[in-house]
Amino acid sequence: MMKYPIGIQDFEKLRQGGFVYVDKTDLIYKLTRGSVYFLGRPRRFGKSLLVSTLKYYFQGRRDLFEGLRIMDLEQEWQHHPVLHLDFNAMDWKVENTLRKYIADEIQKQEEKYSVEPRVKDDLAQRFRNLVEGVHQQTGQ
């Protein structure tokens, strides 16, 4: 009996759990060779799963892509630092939830990569500083 990934939005859970997966990884490979894309899709149309798949691809998690089309295309499987912010679990009814969530997520990434924030209140500056710090550490 086939297991369908109802409500599963994480590529790693989907692949390791043996769920049915419609392989479109060749399109992901082509997408990453382009320039700038806008990926607008309706609700419940796989955006979170796509972002999760991209995260593991850029992290170089070759093990998760075994048996998929991308294995015939990708030769390098480089590990890149990924700053992943997941907005699905937020309670949008509480005021200032978004600002607090972004601040918390930036702080987690700052701690993960040992990047000292230059400012505390300006989220845009903190994020820019985080990206620059990660780039300085990794060269990517």
C-alpha atoms as a PDB file:
ATOM      1  CA  MET A   1       0.000   0.000   0.000  1.00  0.00           C
ATOM      2  CA  MET A   2       1.309   3.444  -0.913  1.00  0.00           C
ATOM      3  CA  LYS A   3       1.816   6.040   1.814  1.00  0.00           C
ATOM      4  CA  TYR A   4       0.639   9.511   0.814  1.00  0.00           C
ATOM      5  CA  PRO A   5       2.373  12.535   2.396  1.00  0.00           C
ATOM      6  CA  ILE A   6      -0.745  14.310   3.655  1.00  0.00           C
ATOM      7  CA  GLY A   7       0.398  17.400   5.565  1.00  0.00           C
ATOM      8  CA  ILE A   8       4.110  16.600   5.241  1.00  0.00           C
ATOM      9  CA  GLN A   9       6.013  19.684   4.144  1.00  0.00           C
ATOM     10  CA  ASP A  10       9.559  18.554   4.905  1.00  0.00           C
ATOM     11  CA  PHE A  11      11.473  16.820   2.102  1.00  0.00           C
ATOM     12  CA  GLU A  12      13.653  14.843   4.527  1.00  0.00           C
ATOM     13  CA  LYS A  13      10.628  13.444   6.403  1.00  0.00           C
ATOM     14  CA  LEU A  14       8.918  12.631   3.123  1.00  0.00           C
ATOM     15  CA  ARG A  15      11.910  10.769   1.681  1.00  0.00           C
ATOM     16  CA  GLN A  16      12.933   8.963   4.852  1.00  0.00           C
ATOM     17  CA  GLY A  17       9.343   8.020   5.634  1.00  0.00           C
ATOM     18  CA  GLY A  18       8.872   6.190   2.333  1.00  0.00           C
ATOM     19  CA  PHE A  19       6.024   8.405   1.157  1.00  0.00           C
ATOM     20  CA  VAL A  20       4.928   8.773  -2.453  1.00  0.00           C
ATOM     21  CA  TYR A  21       6.874  11.576  -4.154  1.00  0.00           C
ATOM     22  CA  VAL A  22       6.251  12.882  -7.659  1.00  0.00           C
ATOM     23  CA  ASP A  23       9.788  13.457  -8.917  1.00  0.00           C
ATOM     24  CA  LYS A  24      10.259  16.937 -10.340  1.00  0.00           C
ATOM     25  CA  THR A  25      13.852  17.299  -9.214  1.00  0.00           C
ATOM     26  CA  ASP A  26      15.047  17.789 -12.787  1.00  0.00           C
ATOM     27  CA  LEU A  27      13.052  21.032 -12.749  1.00  0.00           C
ATOM     28  CA  ILE A  28      14.731  22.048  -9.480  1.00  0.00           C
ATOM     29  CA  TYR A  29      18.116  21.473 -11.109  1.00  0.00           C
ATOM     30  CA  LYS A  30      17.118  23.674 -14.057  1.00  0.00           C
ATOM     31  CA  LEU A  31      15.697  26.292 -11.702  1.00  0.00           C
ATOM     32  CA  THR A  32      18.994  26.583  -9.826  1.00  0.00           C
ATOM     33  CA  ARG A  33      20.861  27.231 -13.073  1.00  0.00           C
ATOM     34  CA  GLY A  34      18.810  30.311 -13.899  1.00  0.00           C
ATOM     35  CA  SER A  35      18.676  33.828 -12.623  1.00  0.00           C
ATOM     36  CA  VAL A  36      15.783  35.272 -10.625  1.00  0.00           C
ATOM     37  CA  TYR A  37      12.394  33.595 -10.373  1.00  0.00           C
ATOM     38  CA  PHE A  38       9.092  34.458  -8.743  1.00  0.00           C
ATOM     39  CA  LEU A  39       7.345  31.321  -7.524  1.00  0.00           C
ATOM     40  CA  GLY A  40       3.746  32.326  -6.973  1.00  0.00           C
ATOM     41  CA  ARG A  41       1.450  29.411  -6.288  1.00  0.00           C
ATOM     42  CA  PRO A  42      -1.986  29.096  -4.645  1.00  0.00           C
ATOM     43  CA  ARG A  43      -2.540  27.843  -1.092  1.00  0.00           C
ATOM     44  CA  ARG A  44      -1.915  24.136  -0.466  1.00  0.00           C
ATOM     45  CA  PHE A  45       0.085  23.822  -3.686  1.00  0.00           C
ATOM     46  CA  GLY A  46       3.454  22.609  -2.390  1.00  0.00           C
ATOM     47  CA  LYS A  47       5.389  25.834  -1.759  1.00  0.00           C
ATOM     48  CA  SER A  48       6.712  24.711   1.621  1.00  0.00           C
ATOM     49  CA  LEU A  49       7.764  21.323   0.278  1.00  0.00           C
ATOM     50  CA  LEU A  50       9.532  23.030  -2.649  1.00  0.00           C
ATOM     51  CA  VAL A  51      11.425  25.361  -0.293  1.00  0.00           C
ATOM     52  CA  SER A  52      12.332  22.407   1.921  1.00  0.00           C
ATOM     53  CA  THR A  53      13.576  20.460  -1.110  1.00  0.00           C
ATOM     54  CA  LEU A  54      15.700  23.429  -2.178  1.00  0.00           C
ATOM     55  CA  LYS A  55      17.110  23.696   1.351  1.00  0.00           C
ATOM     56  CA  TYR A  56      18.336  20.082   1.355  1.00  0.00           C
ATOM     57  CA  TYR A  57      19.611  20.395  -2.209  1.00  0.00           C
ATOM     58  CA  PHE A  58      21.724  23.444  -1.343  1.00  0.00           C
ATOM     59  CA  GLN A  59      22.935  21.751   1.832  1.00  0.00           C
ATOM     60  CA  GLY A  60      24.316  19.030  -0.435  1.00  0.00           C
ATOM     61  CA  ARG A  61      22.159  16.270   1.081  1.00  0.00           C
ATOM     62  CA  ARG A  62      22.748  13.834  -1.762  1.00  0.00           C
ATOM     63  CA  ASP A  63      21.432  10.942   0.362  1.00  0.00           C
ATOM     64  CA  LEU A  64      17.892  12.349   0.213  1.00  0.00           C
ATOM     65  CA  PHE A  65      17.902  12.487  -3.596  1.00  0.00           C
ATOM     66  CA  GLU A  66      18.953   8.887  -4.303  1.00  0.00           C
ATOM     67  CA  GLY A  67      16.861   7.413  -7.111  1.00  0.00           C
ATOM     68  CA  LEU A  68      15.558  10.786  -8.282  1.00  0.00           C
ATOM     69  CA  ARG A  69      16.198  12.452 -11.653  1.00  0.00           C
ATOM     70  CA  ILE A  70      18.497  15.103 -10.203  1.00  0.00           C
ATOM     71  CA  MET A  71      21.092  12.393  -9.481  1.00  0.00           C
ATOM     72  CA  ASP A  72      21.731  12.110 -13.242  1.00  0.00           C
ATOM     73  CA  LEU A  73      22.160  15.888 -13.540  1.00  0.00           C
ATOM     74  CA  GLU A  74      24.047  17.133 -10.477  1.00  0.00           C
ATOM     75  CA  GLN A  75      27.730  16.268 -10.381  1.00  0.00           C
ATOM     76  CA  GLU A  76      29.093  18.445  -7.549  1.00  0.00           C
ATOM     77  CA  TRP A  77      26.686  18.262  -4.558  1.00  0.00           C
ATOM     78  CA  GLN A  78      28.261  21.214  -2.774  1.00  0.00           C
ATOM     79  CA  HIS A  79      27.256  22.173   0.755  1.00  0.00           C
ATOM     80  CA  HIS A  80      26.045  25.764   1.047  1.00  0.00           C
ATOM     81  CA  PRO A  81      24.916  27.547   4.194  1.00  0.00           C
ATOM     82  CA  VAL A  82      21.136  27.897   4.189  1.00  0.00           C
ATOM     83  CA  LEU A  83      19.183  30.500   6.150  1.00  0.00           C
ATOM     84  CA  HIS A  84      15.704  28.984   6.301  1.00  0.00           C
ATOM     85  CA  LEU A  85      12.837  30.922   7.889  1.00  0.00           C
ATOM     86  CA  ASP A  86       9.595  28.927   8.145  1.00  0.00           C
ATOM     87  CA  PHE A  87       6.514  31.118   8.615  1.00  0.00           C
ATOM     88  CA  ASN A  88       3.977  28.267   8.742  1.00  0.00           C
ATOM     89  CA  ALA A  89       3.840  27.798  12.511  1.00  0.00           C
ATOM     90  CA  MET A  90       3.113  31.415  13.395  1.00  0.00           C
ATOM     91  CA  ASP A  91       0.015  32.693  15.195  1.00  0.00           C
ATOM     92  CA  TRP A  92      -0.904  35.611  12.971  1.00  0.00           C
ATOM     93  CA  LYS A  93      -3.660  36.804  15.314  1.00  0.00           C
ATOM     94  CA  VAL A  94      -1.229  38.101  17.942  1.00  0.00           C
ATOM     95  CA  GLU A  95       0.112  41.621  17.366  1.00  0.00           C
ATOM     96  CA  ASN A  96       3.839  41.915  16.566  1.00  0.00           C
ATOM     97  CA  THR A  97       4.126  38.153  16.066  1.00  0.00           C
ATOM     98  CA  LEU A  98       5.955  38.539  12.751  1.00  0.00           C
ATOM     99  CA  ARG A  99       8.557  40.986  14.102  1.00  0.00           C
ATOM    100  CA  LYS A 100       9.249  38.800  17.159  1.00  0.00           C
ATOM    101  CA  TYR A 101       9.426  35.638  15.090  1.00  0.00           C
ATOM    102  CA  ILE A 102      11.886  37.138  12.596  1.00  0.00           C
ATOM    103  CA  ALA A 103      14.031  38.518  15.449  1.00  0.00           C
ATOM    104  CA  ASP A 104      14.080  35.078  17.119  1.00  0.00           C
ATOM    105  CA  GLU A 105      14.954  33.288  13.880  1.00  0.00           C
ATOM    106  CA  ILE A 106      17.745  35.741  13.072  1.00  0.00           C
ATOM    107  CA  GLN A 107      19.099  35.256  16.587  1.00  0.00           C
ATOM    108  CA  LYS A 108      19.116  31.456  16.147  1.00  0.00           C
ATOM    109  CA  GLN A 109      21.055  31.811  12.901  1.00  0.00           C
ATOM    110  CA  GLU A 110      23.456  34.322  14.481  1.00  0.00           C
ATOM    111  CA  GLU A 111      24.166  31.818  17.242  1.00  0.00           C
ATOM    112  CA  LYS A 112      24.506  28.907  14.806  1.00  0.00           C
ATOM    113  CA  TYR A 113      27.096  30.766  12.723  1.00  0.00           C
ATOM    114  CA  SER A 114      28.636  32.739  15.639  1.00  0.00           C
ATOM    115  CA  VAL A 115      27.789  36.094  14.068  1.00  0.00           C
ATOM    116  CA  GLU A 116      27.645  39.037  16.458  1.00  0.00           C
ATOM    117  CA  PRO A 117      24.765  41.438  15.725  1.00  0.00           C
ATOM    118  CA  ARG A 118      25.898  45.024  15.162  1.00  0.00           C
ATOM    119  CA  VAL A 119      22.470  46.425  16.021  1.00  0.00           C
ATOM    120  CA  LYS A 120      19.580  44.884  17.970  1.00  0.00           C
ATOM    121  CA  ASP A 121      16.462  46.747  16.812  1.00  0.00           C
ATOM    122  CA  ASP A 122      16.873  46.969  13.033  1.00  0.00           C
ATOM    123  CA  LEU A 123      15.890  43.548  11.657  1.00  0.00           C
ATOM    124  CA  ALA A 124      16.917  44.390   8.108  1.00  0.00           C
ATOM    125  CA  GLN A 125      20.402  45.412   9.289  1.00  0.00           C
ATOM    126  CA  ARG A 126      20.684  42.304  11.467  1.00  0.00           C
ATOM    127  CA  PHE A 127      19.763  40.076   8.555  1.00  0.00           C
ATOM    128  CA  ARG A 128      22.233  41.826   6.256  1.00  0.00           C
ATOM    129  CA  ASN A 129      24.928  41.476   8.929  1.00  0.00           C
ATOM    130  CA  LEU A 130      24.048  37.776   9.295  1.00  0.00           C
ATOM    131  CA  VAL A 131      24.344  37.128   5.558  1.00  0.00           C
ATOM    132  CA  GLU A 132      27.644  39.005   5.388  1.00  0.00           C
ATOM    133  CA  GLY A 133      28.976  37.140   8.441  1.00  0.00           C
ATOM    134  CA  VAL A 134      28.029  33.748   7.031  1.00  0.00           C
ATOM    135  CA  HIS A 135      29.643  34.711   3.730  1.00  0.00           C
ATOM    136  CA  GLN A 136      32.862  35.742   5.480  1.00  0.00           C
ATOM    137  CA  GLN A 137      32.985  32.439   7.353  1.00  0.00           C
ATOM    138  CA  THR A 138      32.119  30.142   4.479  1.00  0.00           C
ATOM    139  CA  GLY A 139      33.090  32.041   1.338  1.00  0.00           C
ATOM    140  CA  GLN A 140      29.602  31.352   0.003  1.00  0.00           C
END
